[in-house]
C-alpha atoms as a PDB file:
ATOM      1  CA  MET A   1     -13.420 -11.322 -27.711  1.00  0.00           C
ATOM      2  CA  ILE A   2     -15.692 -11.204 -24.760  1.00  0.00           C
ATOM      3  CA  HIS A   3     -13.859 -10.582 -21.367  1.00  0.00           C
ATOM      4  CA  GLU A   4     -14.913 -11.794 -17.898  1.00  0.00           C
ATOM      5  CA  LYS A   5     -13.796 -11.598 -14.099  1.00  0.00           C
ATOM      6  CA  SER A   6     -14.046 -13.892 -11.288  1.00  0.00           C
ATOM      7  CA  CYS A   7     -12.316 -13.842  -7.776  1.00  0.00           C
ATOM      8  CA  GLY A   8     -12.153 -16.463  -5.689  1.00  0.00           C
ATOM      9  CA  VAL A   9     -10.082 -17.876  -2.550  1.00  0.00           C
ATOM     10  CA  VAL A  10      -7.351 -20.670  -2.276  1.00  0.00           C
ATOM     11  CA  LEU A  11      -8.756 -21.927   1.484  1.00  0.00           C
ATOM     12  CA  TYR A  12      -6.239 -24.010   3.801  1.00  0.00           C
ATOM     13  CA  TYR A  13      -7.383 -25.408   7.062  1.00  0.00           C
ATOM     14  CA  MET A  14      -4.436 -26.256   9.426  1.00  0.00           C
ATOM     15  CA  THR A  15      -4.628 -30.009  10.947  1.00  0.00           C
ATOM     16  CA  LYS A  16      -3.402 -31.024  14.519  1.00  0.00           C
ATOM     17  CA  SER A  17      -0.286 -32.288  13.412  1.00  0.00           C
ATOM     18  CA  SER A  18       0.276 -28.362  11.747  1.00  0.00           C
ATOM     19  CA  SER A  19       0.070 -29.546   8.526  1.00  0.00           C
ATOM     20  CA  ALA A  20      -2.280 -27.474   5.837  1.00  0.00           C
ATOM     21  CA  GLU A  21      -4.937 -28.940   4.332  1.00  0.00           C
ATOM     22  CA  ILE A  22      -6.243 -27.330   0.824  1.00  0.00           C
ATOM     23  CA  LEU A  23      -9.713 -27.017  -0.358  1.00  0.00           C
ATOM     24  CA  LEU A  24     -10.712 -28.323  -3.402  1.00  0.00           C
ATOM     25  CA  LEU A  25     -14.064 -28.343  -5.484  1.00  0.00           C
ATOM     26  CA  HIS A  26     -15.051 -30.647  -7.943  1.00  0.00           C
ATOM     27  CA  TYR A  27     -16.820 -28.879 -10.803  1.00  0.00           C
ATOM     28  CA  PRO A  28     -19.543 -30.609 -12.927  1.00  0.00           C
ATOM     29  CA  GLU A  29     -17.594 -30.531 -16.239  1.00  0.00           C
ATOM     30  CA  GLY A  30     -15.183 -32.562 -14.435  1.00  0.00           C
ATOM     31  CA  HIS A  31     -12.158 -30.485 -13.584  1.00  0.00           C
ATOM     32  CA  TRP A  32     -11.009 -29.717  -9.877  1.00  0.00           C
ATOM     33  CA  GLY A  33     -10.205 -26.462  -8.819  1.00  0.00           C
ATOM     34  CA  PHE A  34     -10.795 -23.631  -5.972  1.00  0.00           C
ATOM     35  CA  PRO A  35     -13.847 -21.859  -4.885  1.00  0.00           C
ATOM     36  CA  LYS A  36     -14.377 -18.985  -7.535  1.00  0.00           C
ATOM     37  CA  GLY A  37     -17.032 -16.931  -9.297  1.00  0.00           C
ATOM     38  CA  HIS A  38     -18.435 -13.820 -11.477  1.00  0.00           C
ATOM     39  CA  THR A  39     -17.776 -10.394  -9.819  1.00  0.00           C
ATOM     40  CA  GLU A  40     -21.493  -8.946  -9.478  1.00  0.00           C
ATOM     41  CA  LYS A  41     -21.944  -4.608 -10.035  1.00  0.00           C
ATOM     42  CA  GLY A  42     -20.609  -2.631  -6.962  1.00  0.00           C
ATOM     43  CA  GLU A  43     -18.111  -5.204  -5.617  1.00  0.00           C
ATOM     44  CA  ASP A  44     -14.927  -5.156  -5.289  1.00  0.00           C
ATOM     45  CA  ASP A  45     -12.106  -8.466  -6.009  1.00  0.00           C
ATOM     46  CA  LEU A  46     -12.375  -9.295  -2.355  1.00  0.00           C
ATOM     47  CA  GLN A  47     -15.871  -8.985  -1.495  1.00  0.00           C
ATOM     48  CA  THR A  48     -16.826 -11.096  -4.567  1.00  0.00           C
ATOM     49  CA  ALA A  49     -14.025 -13.786  -3.682  1.00  0.00           C
ATOM     50  CA  LEU A  50     -15.925 -13.798  -0.090  1.00  0.00           C
ATOM     51  CA  ARG A  51     -19.151 -13.863  -1.442  1.00  0.00           C
ATOM     52  CA  GLU A  52     -18.208 -16.714  -3.711  1.00  0.00           C
ATOM     53  CA  LEU A  53     -16.272 -18.827  -0.966  1.00  0.00           C
ATOM     54  CA  LYS A  54     -19.507 -18.366   0.949  1.00  0.00           C
ATOM     55  CA  GLU A  55     -21.817 -19.271  -1.447  1.00  0.00           C
ATOM     56  CA  GLU A  56     -19.972 -22.375  -2.814  1.00  0.00           C
ATOM     57  CA  THR A  57     -19.041 -23.997   0.594  1.00  0.00           C
ATOM     58  CA  GLY A  58     -21.073 -22.267   3.382  1.00  0.00           C
ATOM     59  CA  ILE A  59     -17.717 -20.762   5.014  1.00  0.00           C
ATOM     60  CA  GLY A  60     -18.290 -17.285   5.593  1.00  0.00           C
ATOM     61  CA  TYR A  61     -15.564 -16.533   8.702  1.00  0.00           C
ATOM     62  CA  VAL A  62     -12.227 -16.666   7.289  1.00  0.00           C
ATOM     63  CA  GLU A  63      -8.594 -15.496   8.276  1.00  0.00           C
ATOM     64  CA  LEU A  64      -7.196 -13.801   5.120  1.00  0.00           C
ATOM     65  CA  VAL A  65      -3.467 -13.704   4.392  1.00  0.00           C
ATOM     66  CA  ASP A  66      -2.611 -10.180   3.681  1.00  0.00           C
ATOM     67  CA  ALA A  67      -0.891  -9.016   0.693  1.00  0.00           C
ATOM     68  CA  PHE A  68      -1.330 -12.095  -0.990  1.00  0.00           C
ATOM     69  CA  LYS A  69      -3.514 -11.617  -4.509  1.00  0.00           C
ATOM     70  CA  GLU A  70      -2.421 -13.498  -7.715  1.00  0.00           C
ATOM     71  CA  LYS A  71      -4.262 -13.283 -11.147  1.00  0.00           C
ATOM     72  CA  MET A  72      -4.913 -16.058 -13.417  1.00  0.00           C
ATOM     73  CA  HIS A  73      -5.520 -15.595 -17.132  1.00  0.00           C
ATOM     74  CA  TYR A  74      -6.998 -17.825 -19.616  1.00  0.00           C
ATOM     75  CA  LEU A  75      -8.961 -18.437 -22.703  1.00  0.00           C
ATOM     76  CA  PHE A  76     -12.051 -20.636 -23.321  1.00  0.00           C
ATOM     77  CA  LYS A  77     -14.806 -20.700 -25.886  1.00  0.00           C
ATOM     78  CA  ASN A  78     -18.729 -21.039 -24.920  1.00  0.00           C
ATOM     79  CA  LYS A  79     -21.267 -21.406 -27.729  1.00  0.00           C
ATOM     80  CA  GLY A  80     -18.459 -20.660 -30.325  1.00  0.00           C
ATOM     81  CA  GLU A  81     -17.433 -17.303 -28.873  1.00  0.00           C
ATOM     82  CA  THR A  82     -13.925 -16.925 -27.738  1.00  0.00           C
ATOM     83  CA  ILE A  83     -13.590 -15.685 -23.786  1.00  0.00           C
ATOM     84  CA  SER A  84     -10.884 -14.056 -22.385  1.00  0.00           C
ATOM     85  CA  LYS A  85     -11.142 -14.528 -18.588  1.00  0.00           C
ATOM     86  CA  ASP A  86      -9.083 -13.286 -15.738  1.00  0.00           C
ATOM     87  CA  VAL A  87      -9.459 -14.884 -12.209  1.00  0.00           C
ATOM     88  CA  TYR A  88      -7.698 -12.931  -8.958  1.00  0.00           C
ATOM     89  CA  PHE A  89      -7.357 -15.223  -6.141  1.00  0.00           C
ATOM     90  CA  PHE A  90      -6.898 -14.271  -2.477  1.00  0.00           C
ATOM     91  CA  LEU A  91      -5.097 -16.934   0.159  1.00  0.00           C
ATOM     92  CA  ALA A  92      -7.571 -17.645   3.453  1.00  0.00           C
ATOM     93  CA  LYS A  93      -7.314 -19.944   6.253  1.00  0.00           C
ATOM     94  CA  THR A  94     -10.127 -21.026   8.347  1.00  0.00           C
ATOM     95  CA  SER A  95     -10.903 -23.351  11.008  1.00  0.00           C
ATOM     96  CA  ASN A  96     -14.039 -24.913   9.733  1.00  0.00           C
ATOM     97  CA  LYS A  97     -13.468 -27.588   7.766  1.00  0.00           C
ATOM     98  CA  ASN A  98     -17.464 -28.160   7.020  1.00  0.00           C
ATOM     99  CA  ILE A  99     -18.516 -27.743   3.808  1.00  0.00           C
ATOM    100  CA  GLU A 100     -22.391 -27.106   2.645  1.00  0.00           C
ATOM    101  CA  LEU A 101     -21.575 -27.535  -0.940  1.00  0.00           C
ATOM    102  CA  SER A 102     -23.835 -25.774  -3.122  1.00  0.00           C
ATOM    103  CA  TYR A 103     -25.740 -27.220  -6.577  1.00  0.00           C
ATOM    104  CA  GLU A 104     -22.642 -25.972  -8.383  1.00  0.00           C
ATOM    105  CA  HIS A 105     -20.494 -28.422  -7.964  1.00  0.00           C
ATOM    106  CA  GLN A 106     -20.405 -32.411  -7.383  1.00  0.00           C
ATOM    107  CA  ASN A 107     -18.101 -33.059  -4.644  1.00  0.00           C
ATOM    108  CA  PHE A 108     -15.084 -31.530  -2.265  1.00  0.00           C
ATOM    109  CA  ASP A 109     -11.735 -32.729  -0.911  1.00  0.00           C
ATOM    110  CA  TRP A 110      -9.277 -30.952   1.719  1.00  0.00           C
ATOM    111  CA  LEU A 111      -5.811 -32.308   0.555  1.00  0.00           C
ATOM    112  CA  PRO A 112      -2.275 -31.941   1.788  1.00  0.00           C
ATOM    113  CA  TYR A 113      -0.385 -29.910  -0.457  1.00  0.00           C
ATOM    114  CA  ASP A 114       1.282 -32.289  -2.432  1.00  0.00           C
ATOM    115  CA  GLU A 115      -2.276 -34.283  -3.330  1.00  0.00           C
ATOM    116  CA  ALA A 116      -3.870 -31.087  -3.971  1.00  0.00           C
ATOM    117  CA  LEU A 117      -1.332 -30.218  -6.528  1.00  0.00           C
ATOM    118  CA  LYS A 118      -1.798 -33.507  -8.099  1.00  0.00           C
ATOM    119  CA  ARG A 119      -6.035 -33.532  -8.474  1.00  0.00           C
ATOM    120  CA  LEU A 120      -5.816 -29.912  -9.691  1.00  0.00           C
ATOM    121  CA  THR A 121      -6.784 -30.307 -12.975  1.00  0.00           C
ATOM    122  CA  PHE A 122      -5.411 -27.056 -14.743  1.00  0.00           C
ATOM    123  CA  ASP A 123      -1.749 -25.965 -15.050  1.00  0.00           C
ATOM    124  CA  ASN A 124      -2.752 -22.519 -13.979  1.00  0.00           C
ATOM    125  CA  ALA A 125      -4.269 -23.529 -10.895  1.00  0.00           C
ATOM    126  CA  LYS A 126      -0.886 -25.695  -9.903  1.00  0.00           C
ATOM    127  CA  GLU A 127       0.796 -22.228 -10.384  1.00  0.00           C
ATOM    128  CA  ILE A 128      -1.472 -20.091  -7.808  1.00  0.00           C
ATOM    129  CA  LEU A 129      -1.463 -23.310  -5.565  1.00  0.00           C
ATOM    130  CA  LYS A 130       2.607 -23.436  -6.051  1.00  0.00           C
ATOM    131  CA  LYS A 131       2.704 -19.429  -5.245  1.00  0.00           C
ATOM    132  CA  THR A 132       0.451 -20.143  -2.021  1.00  0.00           C
ATOM    133  CA  LYS A 133       2.855 -22.680  -0.707  1.00  0.00           C
ATOM    134  CA  GLN A 134       5.940 -20.317  -1.627  1.00  0.00           C
ATOM    135  CA  PHE A 135       4.079 -17.224   0.092  1.00  0.00           C
ATOM    136  CA  LEU A 136       3.418 -18.789   3.168  1.00  0.00           C
ATOM    137  CA  ALA A 137       7.103 -20.494   3.448  1.00  0.00           C
END
């Protein structure tokens, strides 16, 4: 079995009415999720997450929420091979909603928490979002 590791960011924006909007990306395979990607040699988890955020959204400056780091694990098949994947997510706030979407995605949306929870495709991503809400409460 192949093991992979990725890191990403649950990114939110506070509106003028003080409600949070969560950034979700629409992947070519059809699912909705958070910005994330593979760790490159020499990077730590946070460096990977911030690099991927910048590459996928154009957002390079964020305010990290200290002490939030959550792990998601899942299995999937690629060309008949089972892959075991760990993804570590950080939580960050942005004051910039302008997205420069990378070629890796087909769309994006800023959504209030309840709508983001409904839009997320996978249950493990929904659990990460629930943990961010609990953490911020």
